[in-house]
Amino acid sequence: MKVVFQGLLGIAFGVLLLWMALSGIDGAAISAALAQANIGYLLAGVGLFWIGVLFRILRWQALLTPVRMLTF
């Protein structure tokens, strides 16, 4: 019961913070900017982000191997 309450409280807090972060943003301006964006650059950026995440995973896996073997 305590874990469920903590989970719901965390979700509620996350929704509140997301609402606070996005409440002053103009949706039409964002959609216009995305319409003008180069999709190739967006895909390259997302791909490079995930490559960076992969390298961080491998680094932490190498650092923590003496303590405990971690799976990917």
N, C-alpha and C. Protein backbone atom coordinates (compact mmCIF):
# COMPACT_ATOMS: atom_id res chain seq x y z
N MET A 1 0.83 -1.20 0.00
CA MET A 1 0.00 0.00 0.00
C MET A 1 0.87 1.26 0.00
N LYS A 2 1.95 1.23 0.78
CA LYS A 2 2.83 2.39 0.87
C LYS A 2 3.51 2.65 -0.48
N VAL A 3 3.90 1.58 -1.18
CA VAL A 3 4.57 1.73 -2.47
C VAL A 3 3.61 2.33 -3.51
N VAL A 4 2.37 1.90 -3.48
CA VAL A 4 1.37 2.43 -4.41
C VAL A 4 1.15 3.92 -4.13
N PHE A 5 1.05 4.29 -2.86
CA PHE A 5 0.87 5.70 -2.50
C PHE A 5 2.06 6.53 -2.96
N GLN A 6 3.27 6.03 -2.74
CA GLN A 6 4.46 6.76 -3.17
C GLN A 6 4.49 6.90 -4.69
N GLY A 7 4.09 5.85 -5.40
CA GLY A 7 4.05 5.92 -6.86
C GLY A 7 3.05 6.95 -7.35
N LEU A 8 1.86 6.95 -6.77
CA LEU A 8 0.84 7.92 -7.17
C LEU A 8 1.26 9.34 -6.82
N LEU A 9 1.89 9.50 -5.67
CA LEU A 9 2.38 10.82 -5.28
C LEU A 9 3.46 11.30 -6.24
N GLY A 10 4.34 10.41 -6.65
CA GLY A 10 5.38 10.77 -7.61
C GLY A 10 4.81 11.15 -8.96
N ILE A 11 3.80 10.42 -9.41
CA ILE A 11 3.16 10.74 -10.69
C ILE A 11 2.45 12.08 -10.60
N ALA A 12 1.75 12.33 -9.50
CA ALA A 12 1.05 13.61 -9.33
C ALA A 12 2.05 14.77 -9.31
N PHE A 13 3.16 14.58 -8.64
CA PHE A 13 4.18 15.62 -8.56
C PHE A 13 4.79 15.86 -9.95
N GLY A 14 5.01 14.79 -10.69
CA GLY A 14 5.55 14.92 -12.04
C GLY A 14 4.60 15.65 -12.97
N VAL A 15 3.30 15.34 -12.87
CA VAL A 15 2.30 16.03 -13.68
C VAL A 15 2.25 17.51 -13.32
N LEU A 16 2.32 17.82 -12.04
CA LEU A 16 2.32 19.22 -11.61
C LEU A 16 3.53 19.97 -12.18
N LEU A 17 4.71 19.38 -12.08
CA LEU A 17 5.90 20.04 -12.61
C LEU A 17 5.85 20.18 -14.12
N LEU A 18 5.33 19.17 -14.81
CA LEU A 18 5.20 19.24 -16.26
C LEU A 18 4.23 20.35 -16.65
N TRP A 19 3.12 20.46 -15.93
CA TRP A 19 2.16 21.53 -16.20
C TRP A 19 2.81 22.90 -15.97
N MET A 20 3.57 23.03 -14.89
CA MET A 20 4.23 24.31 -14.61
C MET A 20 5.25 24.66 -15.70
N ALA A 21 5.97 23.66 -16.20
CA ALA A 21 6.98 23.91 -17.21
C ALA A 21 6.36 24.27 -18.56
N LEU A 22 5.20 23.69 -18.88
CA LEU A 22 4.62 23.87 -20.20
C LEU A 22 3.49 24.89 -20.26
N SER A 23 3.11 25.46 -19.14
CA SER A 23 1.95 26.34 -19.12
C SER A 23 2.16 27.64 -19.88
N GLY A 24 3.38 28.14 -19.97
CA GLY A 24 3.61 29.41 -20.66
C GLY A 24 4.09 29.25 -22.09
N ILE A 25 4.00 28.07 -22.65
CA ILE A 25 4.53 27.82 -23.98
C ILE A 25 3.41 27.93 -25.01
N ASP A 26 3.73 28.60 -26.12
CA ASP A 26 2.78 28.76 -27.21
C ASP A 26 2.87 27.55 -28.13
N GLY A 27 1.83 26.75 -28.15
CA GLY A 27 1.83 25.52 -28.95
C GLY A 27 1.92 25.78 -30.44
N ALA A 28 1.30 26.86 -30.90
CA ALA A 28 1.35 27.18 -32.33
C ALA A 28 2.77 27.54 -32.77
N ALA A 29 3.49 28.25 -31.92
CA ALA A 29 4.87 28.61 -32.25
C ALA A 29 5.76 27.37 -32.30
N ILE A 30 5.52 26.43 -31.40
CA ILE A 30 6.32 25.21 -31.40
C ILE A 30 6.03 24.39 -32.65
N SER A 31 4.76 24.25 -33.00
CA SER A 31 4.43 23.47 -34.19
C SER A 31 4.96 24.14 -35.45
N ALA A 32 4.96 25.47 -35.51
CA ALA A 32 5.52 26.17 -36.67
C ALA A 32 7.03 25.97 -36.75
N ALA A 33 7.71 26.00 -35.62
CA ALA A 33 9.16 25.79 -35.61
C ALA A 33 9.50 24.36 -36.01
N LEU A 34 8.73 23.39 -35.54
CA LEU A 34 8.98 22.00 -35.90
C LEU A 34 8.68 21.75 -37.38
N ALA A 35 7.73 22.46 -37.93
CA ALA A 35 7.40 22.31 -39.35
C ALA A 35 8.55 22.81 -40.22
N GLN A 36 9.28 23.80 -39.75
CA GLN A 36 10.40 24.36 -40.51
C GLN A 36 11.71 23.63 -40.25
N ALA A 37 11.75 22.76 -39.24
CA ALA A 37 12.99 22.10 -38.86
C ALA A 37 13.39 21.06 -39.90
N ASN A 38 14.69 20.85 -40.00
CA ASN A 38 15.23 19.83 -40.90
C ASN A 38 15.15 18.48 -40.18
N ILE A 39 14.38 17.56 -40.72
CA ILE A 39 14.14 16.28 -40.07
C ILE A 39 15.44 15.47 -39.96
N GLY A 40 16.34 15.65 -40.91
CA GLY A 40 17.62 14.94 -40.86
C GLY A 40 18.44 15.33 -39.64
N TYR A 41 18.47 16.62 -39.33
CA TYR A 41 19.20 17.09 -38.16
C TYR A 41 18.55 16.59 -36.87
N LEU A 42 17.21 16.58 -36.86
CA LEU A 42 16.51 16.08 -35.67
C LEU A 42 16.81 14.60 -35.44
N LEU A 43 16.76 13.80 -36.50
CA LEU A 43 17.06 12.38 -36.37
C LEU A 43 18.52 12.14 -35.98
N ALA A 44 19.43 12.93 -36.55
CA ALA A 44 20.84 12.80 -36.19
C ALA A 44 21.06 13.16 -34.71
N GLY A 45 20.38 14.19 -34.26
CA GLY A 45 20.50 14.59 -32.86
C GLY A 45 19.97 13.53 -31.91
N VAL A 46 18.84 12.96 -32.24
CA VAL A 46 18.27 11.90 -31.39
C VAL A 46 19.18 10.68 -31.42
N GLY A 47 19.70 10.34 -32.59
CA GLY A 47 20.61 9.20 -32.69
C GLY A 47 21.88 9.41 -31.88
N LEU A 48 22.46 10.60 -31.96
CA LEU A 48 23.66 10.89 -31.18
C LEU A 48 23.38 10.88 -29.68
N PHE A 49 22.21 11.32 -29.30
CA PHE A 49 21.83 11.26 -27.89
C PHE A 49 21.85 9.82 -27.40
N TRP A 50 21.22 8.90 -28.16
CA TRP A 50 21.15 7.51 -27.74
C TRP A 50 22.51 6.82 -27.80
N ILE A 51 23.37 7.24 -28.71
CA ILE A 51 24.74 6.71 -28.72
C ILE A 51 25.46 7.15 -27.46
N GLY A 52 25.25 8.40 -27.04
CA GLY A 52 25.83 8.88 -25.79
C GLY A 52 25.32 8.10 -24.59
N VAL A 53 24.03 7.79 -24.58
CA VAL A 53 23.46 6.99 -23.50
C VAL A 53 24.10 5.60 -23.48
N LEU A 54 24.28 5.01 -24.66
CA LEU A 54 24.91 3.69 -24.75
C LEU A 54 26.32 3.72 -24.17
N PHE A 55 27.10 4.74 -24.50
CA PHE A 55 28.46 4.83 -23.97
C PHE A 55 28.46 5.03 -22.45
N ARG A 56 27.50 5.78 -21.94
CA ARG A 56 27.41 5.94 -20.48
C ARG A 56 27.05 4.62 -19.81
N ILE A 57 26.17 3.85 -20.44
CA ILE A 57 25.82 2.53 -19.90
C ILE A 57 27.06 1.64 -19.84
N LEU A 58 27.81 1.63 -20.94
CA LEU A 58 29.01 0.79 -20.99
C LEU A 58 30.06 1.26 -19.98
N ARG A 59 30.18 2.57 -19.80
CA ARG A 59 31.14 3.10 -18.82
C ARG A 59 30.75 2.68 -17.41
N TRP A 60 29.49 2.85 -17.04
CA TRP A 60 29.07 2.46 -15.69
C TRP A 60 29.16 0.96 -15.49
N GLN A 61 28.90 0.22 -16.53
CA GLN A 61 29.03 -1.23 -16.44
C GLN A 61 30.49 -1.61 -16.17
N ALA A 62 31.43 -0.95 -16.85
CA ALA A 62 32.85 -1.23 -16.62
C ALA A 62 33.29 -0.78 -15.23
N LEU A 63 32.78 0.36 -14.77
CA LEU A 63 33.17 0.87 -13.46
C LEU A 63 32.63 0.01 -12.32
N LEU A 64 31.44 -0.54 -12.50
CA LEU A 64 30.80 -1.28 -11.42
C LEU A 64 31.01 -2.78 -11.49
N THR A 65 31.71 -3.27 -12.51
CA THR A 65 31.93 -4.71 -12.63
C THR A 65 32.65 -5.30 -11.41
N PRO A 66 33.68 -4.63 -10.83
CA PRO A 66 34.31 -5.21 -9.64
C PRO A 66 33.36 -5.34 -8.44
N VAL A 67 32.35 -4.49 -8.39
CA VAL A 67 31.41 -4.54 -7.28
C VAL A 67 30.32 -5.57 -7.53
N ARG A 68 29.73 -5.50 -8.71
CA ARG A 68 28.63 -6.41 -9.06
C ARG A 68 28.48 -6.44 -10.56
N MET A 69 28.30 -7.60 -11.11
CA MET A 69 28.12 -7.74 -12.56
C MET A 69 26.74 -7.22 -12.96
N LEU A 70 26.72 -6.25 -13.86
CA LEU A 70 25.46 -5.66 -14.30
C LEU A 70 25.15 -6.12 -15.71
N THR A 71 23.88 -6.30 -15.99
CA THR A 71 23.47 -6.64 -17.34
C THR A 71 23.15 -5.39 -18.11
N PHE A 72 23.13 -5.51 -19.41
CA PHE A 72 22.84 -4.36 -20.27
C PHE A 72 21.41 -3.94 -20.09
